[in-house]
Amino acid sequence: MKALNMAMIGAGRMGQAHARVLAGLAECRVSRVIDTSADNARRVAEELGARASTLLEDALDDPAVDAVVVTTPTPTHADVVEAAARAGKAVFVEKPVADGLEAGRRVVQAVERAGVPCQVGFQRRYDPAYRRAKEMIERGELGRVEGFRAVGRDPHPPSLDFLKTSGGLLLDMGIHDLDAARFFVGEVAEVYAVGGTLIEPELRHYGLFDTAVATLRFEGGAVGTLEVALRTAYGYDIRTEVLGEKGRIHIERDRRPDLTLYDERGGNFDRPRNFEQRFPEAYAAEMVAFARNLHAGKPVTPDVRDAWYSLRLAKAAQHALETGQVVRVREFGGEL
């Protein structure tokens, strides 16, 4: 298969993470790197053997570019994806698809009007354990699904400047777990959340939280919980559990590598320290699937419509956290 010729739009933290993945994939070739920071663009471009620029048009006007990978800050996603769609480029955009529901609707309309494929970066759907769990649930091995539980804790908070524009804890971070809830169990009818500022006291001045717990009632009757926090002393803590009438699936990568050292302190081991260490297979697999589906003319997944419903759930959960209200998801966000 001929390598998909791609342009990277955004060379910050997530752009650099995707660049490290793309550099090792035969299915993809990055020819351009675009960032508002010329230094970031040049640094990443040199690693990929690509051309650097600060102008989005340099990628969108290049007929050799088949697709763009959008890893710019969340508030810019909608405008960049719409511009790429108008230029006829296939799009891979990091989650969330937009920072608001109306902006998300515009993205869906732009993509569908242009008829271009657009995949959204919920990489957990491509993690081997998550994919196997999905297959088991669909085969009925758990029977009726009755419960869902997720835990998402970062080892340390990002910068305050990032947090102030992130949209809130349950939108920026919790959306991965909420997407997993939809992926495994289905749509959520109601969500309620409580939270605190236990790690970064300055967040209180901006009405933000660094710790939260959400409860979910699914349309199919199952109930669930989500715990999210911005600090652990022991590494990146990601857990997902689905409970059914016949059994339970538990997903967790507890150690890296699968080795425990026994010494005078007892047993000890190293945990994954960040998302790149926990989900390397998933980040590669989602890009490979994107490239292969484009070449084969097959639909990409999750697409912008699917991702919009995860955005709706995350926005509803964030609203519940900020107001203390039980939020009915469909009434909060409506439909596409």
Protein backbone atom coordinates (compact mmCIF):
# COMPACT_ATOMS: atom_id res chain seq x y z
CA MET A 1 0.00 0.00 0.00
CA LYS A 2 1.29 3.44 -0.92
CA ALA A 3 1.97 5.57 2.16
CA LEU A 4 -0.70 8.17 2.88
CA ASN A 5 0.79 11.65 2.41
CA MET A 6 -0.13 13.68 5.49
CA ALA A 7 0.30 17.16 6.89
CA MET A 8 0.45 17.67 10.65
CA ILE A 9 -1.45 20.73 11.85
CA GLY A 10 -0.18 21.47 15.33
CA ALA A 11 3.24 20.60 16.77
CA GLY A 12 2.63 21.02 20.49
CA ARG A 13 2.45 18.25 23.07
CA MET A 14 -0.12 16.08 21.27
CA GLY A 15 1.37 16.84 17.87
CA GLN A 16 4.77 15.69 19.06
CA ALA A 17 3.24 12.52 20.51
CA HIS A 18 1.53 11.72 17.20
CA ALA A 19 4.72 12.54 15.30
CA ARG A 20 6.62 9.90 17.29
CA VAL A 21 3.96 7.36 16.30
CA LEU A 22 3.78 8.40 12.65
CA ALA A 23 7.55 8.23 12.27
CA GLY A 24 7.38 4.46 12.74
CA LEU A 25 4.46 3.68 10.43
CA ALA A 26 4.97 2.50 6.86
CA GLU A 27 1.34 3.36 6.07
CA CYS A 28 1.83 7.09 6.63
CA ARG A 29 4.29 9.76 5.47
CA VAL A 30 4.30 13.28 6.89
CA SER A 31 5.40 15.82 4.29
CA ARG A 32 4.41 19.06 6.04
CA VAL A 33 4.25 20.28 9.65
CA ILE A 34 2.28 23.45 10.43
CA ASP A 35 2.31 25.31 13.74
CA THR A 36 1.92 28.90 14.85
CA SER A 37 5.29 28.46 16.56
CA ALA A 38 7.98 28.34 13.88
CA ASP A 39 10.34 26.63 16.33
CA ASN A 40 7.88 23.84 17.12
CA ALA A 41 7.09 23.33 13.45
CA ARG A 42 10.76 23.19 12.50
CA ARG A 43 11.70 20.83 15.35
CA VAL A 44 8.99 18.28 14.52
CA ALA A 45 9.50 18.63 10.76
CA GLU A 46 13.21 17.85 11.10
CA GLU A 47 12.36 14.65 12.98
CA LEU A 48 9.98 13.57 10.22
CA GLY A 49 11.91 14.78 7.18
CA ALA A 50 9.08 17.18 6.38
CA ARG A 51 8.75 20.86 5.48
CA ALA A 52 7.84 23.32 8.24
CA SER A 53 5.53 26.30 8.01
CA THR A 54 3.37 28.58 10.15
CA LEU A 55 0.65 28.89 7.48
CA LEU A 56 -2.28 26.46 7.35
CA GLU A 57 -2.76 27.26 3.67
CA ASP A 58 0.61 25.74 2.83
CA ALA A 59 -0.84 22.33 3.72
CA LEU A 60 -4.38 22.83 2.45
CA ASP A 61 -3.28 24.21 -0.93
CA ASP A 62 -0.79 21.40 -1.53
CA PRO A 63 -2.36 18.87 -3.95
CA ALA A 64 0.11 16.20 -2.82
CA VAL A 65 -1.34 16.21 0.72
CA ASP A 66 -3.99 13.50 1.05
CA ALA A 67 -4.93 14.07 4.69
CA VAL A 68 -4.28 16.30 7.67
CA VAL A 69 -3.74 15.37 11.32
CA VAL A 70 -5.14 18.12 13.54
CA THR A 71 -3.62 18.43 17.01
CA THR A 72 -4.05 22.16 17.58
CA PRO A 73 -5.62 23.49 20.84
CA THR A 74 -9.24 22.40 21.33
CA PRO A 75 -10.82 25.84 20.71
CA THR A 76 -9.30 25.83 17.19
CA HIS A 77 -10.44 22.35 16.14
CA ALA A 78 -13.69 23.43 14.49
CA ASP A 79 -12.15 26.14 12.31
CA VAL A 80 -9.21 23.98 11.21
CA VAL A 81 -11.35 20.94 10.39
CA GLU A 82 -13.87 23.06 8.47
CA ALA A 83 -11.06 24.62 6.43
CA ALA A 84 -9.55 21.20 5.70
CA ALA A 85 -12.94 19.84 4.66
CA ARG A 86 -13.49 22.75 2.27
CA ALA A 87 -10.06 22.01 0.79
CA GLY A 88 -11.11 18.40 0.19
CA LYS A 89 -8.62 16.88 2.62
CA ALA A 90 -9.36 13.80 4.70
CA VAL A 91 -9.05 14.66 8.39
CA PHE A 92 -7.85 13.02 11.56
CA VAL A 93 -8.56 15.34 14.50
CA GLU A 94 -7.70 14.81 18.14
CA LYS A 95 -10.59 14.73 20.59
CA PRO A 96 -12.82 16.58 21.17
CA VAL A 97 -14.12 17.36 17.71
CA ALA A 98 -14.86 20.92 18.88
CA ASP A 99 -15.02 22.90 22.11
CA GLY A 100 -18.80 23.39 21.96
CA LEU A 101 -21.88 21.62 20.64
CA GLU A 102 -22.79 24.28 18.08
CA ALA A 103 -19.22 24.35 16.79
CA GLY A 104 -19.37 20.57 16.66
CA ARG A 105 -22.55 20.72 14.60
CA ARG A 106 -20.83 23.04 12.14
CA VAL A 107 -17.96 20.56 11.84
CA VAL A 108 -20.33 17.67 11.12
CA GLN A 109 -22.15 19.75 8.49
CA ALA A 110 -18.90 20.88 6.88
CA VAL A 111 -17.46 17.38 6.71
CA GLU A 112 -20.64 15.82 5.35
CA ARG A 113 -21.15 18.64 2.86
CA ALA A 114 -17.62 18.18 1.55
CA GLY A 115 -17.90 14.39 1.57
CA VAL A 116 -14.48 13.92 3.18
CA PRO A 117 -13.61 11.25 5.75
CA CYS A 118 -13.01 12.60 9.26
CA GLN A 119 -11.84 10.40 12.12
CA VAL A 120 -11.68 11.64 15.72
CA GLY A 121 -8.89 10.53 18.04
CA PHE A 122 -10.49 8.37 20.69
CA GLN A 123 -7.52 6.02 20.67
CA ARG A 124 -8.83 3.71 23.40
CA ARG A 125 -11.24 2.20 20.88
CA TYR A 126 -8.12 0.82 19.16
CA ASP A 127 -6.42 -0.50 22.30
CA PRO A 128 -6.22 -4.33 22.10
CA ALA A 129 -7.92 -4.83 25.47
CA TYR A 130 -10.73 -2.38 24.71
CA ARG A 131 -11.33 -3.96 21.31
CA ARG A 132 -11.47 -7.45 22.78
CA ALA A 133 -13.85 -6.25 25.49
CA LYS A 134 -16.12 -4.69 22.87
CA GLU A 135 -16.22 -7.98 20.94
CA MET A 136 -17.03 -9.94 24.08
CA ILE A 137 -19.87 -7.59 24.99
CA GLU A 138 -21.29 -7.72 21.47
CA ARG A 139 -21.16 -11.54 21.53
CA GLY A 140 -23.21 -11.50 24.72
CA GLU A 141 -20.53 -13.07 26.90
CA LEU A 142 -21.47 -10.76 29.80
CA GLY A 143 -25.19 -11.14 29.24
CA ARG A 144 -27.18 -8.03 30.07
CA VAL A 145 -24.81 -5.16 30.88
CA GLU A 146 -25.65 -3.74 34.30
CA GLY A 147 -22.73 -1.56 35.35
CA PHE A 148 -19.81 0.54 34.18
CA ARG A 149 -16.89 2.01 36.11
CA ALA A 150 -13.97 4.09 34.90
CA VAL A 151 -11.00 5.71 36.63
CA GLY A 152 -8.79 8.28 34.96
CA ARG A 153 -5.98 9.93 36.90
CA ASP A 154 -3.03 11.80 35.43
CA PRO A 155 0.32 11.74 37.25
CA HIS A 156 0.45 15.54 37.44
CA PRO A 157 -1.61 18.53 36.25
CA PRO A 158 -0.84 20.36 33.01
CA SER A 159 -0.08 24.07 33.11
CA LEU A 160 -2.61 26.53 34.49
CA ASP A 161 -2.71 28.31 31.12
CA PHE A 162 -3.79 25.04 29.49
CA LEU A 163 -6.38 24.26 32.16
CA LYS A 164 -7.99 27.70 31.85
CA THR A 165 -8.82 27.02 28.18
CA SER A 166 -9.39 23.25 28.36
CA GLY A 167 -13.15 23.38 28.90
CA GLY A 168 -12.99 21.68 32.28
CA LEU A 169 -11.91 18.38 33.77
CA LEU A 170 -14.76 16.20 32.49
CA LEU A 171 -14.55 17.64 28.98
CA ASP A 172 -10.81 17.63 28.46
CA MET A 173 -9.84 14.48 30.38
CA GLY A 174 -13.06 12.68 31.24
CA ILE A 175 -14.27 12.62 27.63
CA HIS A 176 -12.07 9.56 26.95
CA ASP A 177 -13.82 7.59 29.69
CA LEU A 178 -17.23 8.90 28.71
CA ASP A 179 -16.58 7.85 25.11
CA ALA A 180 -15.64 4.40 26.44
CA ALA A 181 -18.94 4.34 28.35
CA ARG A 182 -20.85 4.94 25.11
CA PHE A 183 -18.62 2.49 23.22
CA PHE A 184 -19.27 -0.35 25.65
CA VAL A 185 -22.72 0.31 27.13
CA GLY A 186 -24.59 2.83 24.96
CA GLU A 187 -26.06 6.28 25.38
CA VAL A 188 -26.33 7.90 28.80
CA ALA A 189 -29.71 9.23 29.93
CA GLU A 190 -28.64 11.21 33.01
CA VAL A 191 -25.41 12.37 34.57
CA TYR A 192 -24.60 13.92 37.95
CA ALA A 193 -21.18 14.99 39.20
CA VAL A 194 -19.41 16.39 42.25
CA GLY A 195 -15.85 17.64 42.48
CA GLY A 196 -13.22 19.50 44.40
CA THR A 197 -10.04 21.50 44.10
CA LEU A 198 -7.64 19.37 46.10
CA ILE A 199 -4.46 19.60 44.04
CA GLU A 200 -4.24 23.06 42.46
CA PRO A 201 -5.93 25.62 44.79
CA GLU A 202 -5.58 28.40 42.20
CA LEU A 203 -8.13 26.64 40.00
CA ARG A 204 -10.85 27.80 42.40
CA HIS A 205 -10.45 31.34 41.08
CA TYR A 206 -11.50 30.12 37.62
CA GLY A 207 -14.36 27.85 38.71
CA LEU A 208 -12.36 24.77 37.74
CA PHE A 209 -11.92 21.38 39.41
CA ASP A 210 -8.98 19.00 39.59
CA THR A 211 -10.94 16.08 41.07
CA ALA A 212 -14.41 14.82 40.16
CA VAL A 213 -16.75 11.86 40.41
CA ALA A 214 -19.65 11.44 38.00
CA THR A 215 -22.56 9.01 38.16
CA LEU A 216 -24.23 7.80 34.98
CA ARG A 217 -27.61 6.26 34.27
CA PHE A 218 -27.67 4.66 30.84
CA GLU A 219 -30.70 4.57 28.57
CA GLY A 220 -30.58 0.77 28.67
CA GLY A 221 -30.88 0.75 32.47
CA ALA A 222 -27.25 0.19 33.49
CA VAL A 223 -25.62 2.52 36.00
CA GLY A 224 -22.02 3.68 36.18
CA THR A 225 -19.40 5.87 37.79
CA LEU A 226 -16.38 7.84 36.60
CA GLU A 227 -13.56 9.11 38.82
CA VAL A 228 -11.16 11.69 37.37
CA ALA A 229 -8.22 13.51 38.98
CA LEU A 230 -5.13 15.43 37.93
CA ARG A 231 -2.52 13.92 40.25
CA THR A 232 -1.23 10.58 41.41
CA ALA A 233 2.00 9.73 43.21
CA TYR A 234 2.28 6.38 41.44
CA GLY A 235 1.83 7.01 37.73
CA TYR A 236 -0.85 7.10 35.05
CA ASP A 237 -3.97 5.37 36.41
CA ILE A 238 -6.49 4.27 33.79
CA ARG A 239 -9.09 1.59 34.61
CA THR A 240 -12.29 0.52 32.91
CA GLU A 241 -14.78 -2.06 34.11
CA VAL A 242 -17.98 -3.43 32.60
CA LEU A 243 -20.27 -5.56 34.75
CA GLY A 244 -22.83 -7.92 33.29
CA GLU A 245 -25.19 -10.55 34.62
CA LYS A 246 -22.72 -13.30 33.64
CA GLY A 247 -19.43 -11.71 34.64
CA ARG A 248 -17.13 -8.70 34.67
CA ILE A 249 -14.47 -7.27 32.36
CA HIS A 250 -11.64 -5.33 33.98
CA ILE A 251 -9.14 -3.38 31.84
CA GLU A 252 -5.99 -2.04 33.46
CA ARG A 253 -2.31 -1.96 32.57
CA ASP A 254 -0.90 -1.99 36.07
CA ARG A 255 2.79 -2.30 35.41
CA ARG A 256 5.42 -1.47 32.82
CA PRO A 257 6.88 -3.88 31.90
CA ASP A 258 5.13 -6.97 33.27
CA LEU A 259 7.80 -7.39 35.91
CA THR A 260 7.82 -7.19 39.71
CA LEU A 261 11.04 -6.77 41.66
CA TYR A 262 11.19 -8.39 45.10
CA ASP A 263 13.80 -6.95 47.45
CA GLU A 264 14.15 -5.63 51.01
CA ARG A 265 11.22 -3.28 50.39
CA GLY A 266 8.97 -6.14 49.33
CA GLY A 267 7.48 -6.32 45.86
CA ASN A 268 7.61 -3.24 43.66
CA PHE A 269 7.11 -2.39 40.01
CA ASP A 270 6.92 0.59 37.66
CA ARG A 271 3.56 1.82 36.33
CA PRO A 272 2.94 3.60 33.03
CA ARG A 273 3.78 7.26 33.58
CA ASN A 274 1.72 8.86 30.79
CA PHE A 275 -0.70 8.20 27.93
CA GLU A 276 2.08 7.36 25.46
CA GLN A 277 3.36 4.56 27.69
CA ARG A 278 -0.14 3.20 28.38
CA PHE A 279 -1.56 3.30 24.85
CA PRO A 280 1.30 2.92 22.32
CA GLU A 281 -0.47 0.16 20.38
CA ALA A 282 -3.70 2.16 20.28
CA TYR A 283 -2.12 5.35 18.93
CA ALA A 284 -0.44 3.38 16.17
CA ALA A 285 -3.51 1.28 15.38
CA GLU A 286 -5.85 4.24 15.00
CA MET A 287 -3.51 5.86 12.46
CA VAL A 288 -2.99 2.63 10.55
CA ALA A 289 -6.76 2.11 10.42
CA PHE A 290 -7.25 5.69 9.21
CA ALA A 291 -4.74 5.22 6.38
CA ARG A 292 -5.97 1.79 5.35
CA ASN A 293 -9.63 2.78 5.38
CA LEU A 294 -8.89 5.83 3.22
CA HIS A 295 -7.03 3.68 0.70
CA ALA A 296 -9.83 1.09 0.67
CA GLY A 297 -12.61 3.66 0.50
CA LYS A 298 -14.10 2.37 3.75
CA PRO A 299 -15.68 4.49 6.52
CA VAL A 300 -13.42 5.76 9.28
CA THR A 301 -14.35 5.33 12.93
CA PRO A 302 -15.16 7.00 15.20
CA ASP A 303 -16.43 9.60 12.76
CA VAL A 304 -17.54 13.16 13.51
CA ARG A 305 -21.16 12.19 14.22
CA ASP A 306 -20.14 9.55 16.74
CA ALA A 307 -17.64 11.94 18.31
CA TRP A 308 -20.27 14.69 18.59
CA TYR A 309 -22.35 12.46 20.87
CA SER A 310 -19.33 11.87 23.10
CA LEU A 311 -18.83 15.64 23.16
CA ARG A 312 -22.49 16.08 24.13
CA LEU A 313 -22.09 13.66 27.04
CA ALA A 314 -18.87 15.31 28.22
CA LYS A 315 -20.42 18.79 28.06
CA ALA A 316 -23.43 17.51 30.01
CA ALA A 317 -21.17 15.97 32.64
CA GLN A 318 -19.13 19.18 32.93
CA HIS A 319 -22.36 21.18 33.32
CA ALA A 320 -23.48 18.81 36.06
CA LEU A 321 -20.15 19.25 37.82
CA GLU A 322 -20.32 23.04 37.65
CA THR A 323 -23.98 23.38 38.67
CA GLY A 324 -24.63 20.44 40.98
CA GLN A 325 -27.64 19.49 38.87
CA VAL A 326 -28.69 16.14 37.48
CA VAL A 327 -28.48 16.67 33.72
CA ARG A 328 -30.67 14.84 31.24
CA VAL A 329 -28.28 14.40 28.34
CA ARG A 330 -30.67 14.53 25.39
CA GLU A 331 -32.47 17.58 26.76
CA PHE A 332 -29.13 19.30 27.45
CA GLY A 333 -27.59 18.91 24.03
CA GLY A 334 -30.35 17.90 21.65
CA GLU A 335 -29.57 15.84 18.57
CA LEU A 336 -27.63 16.29 15.36
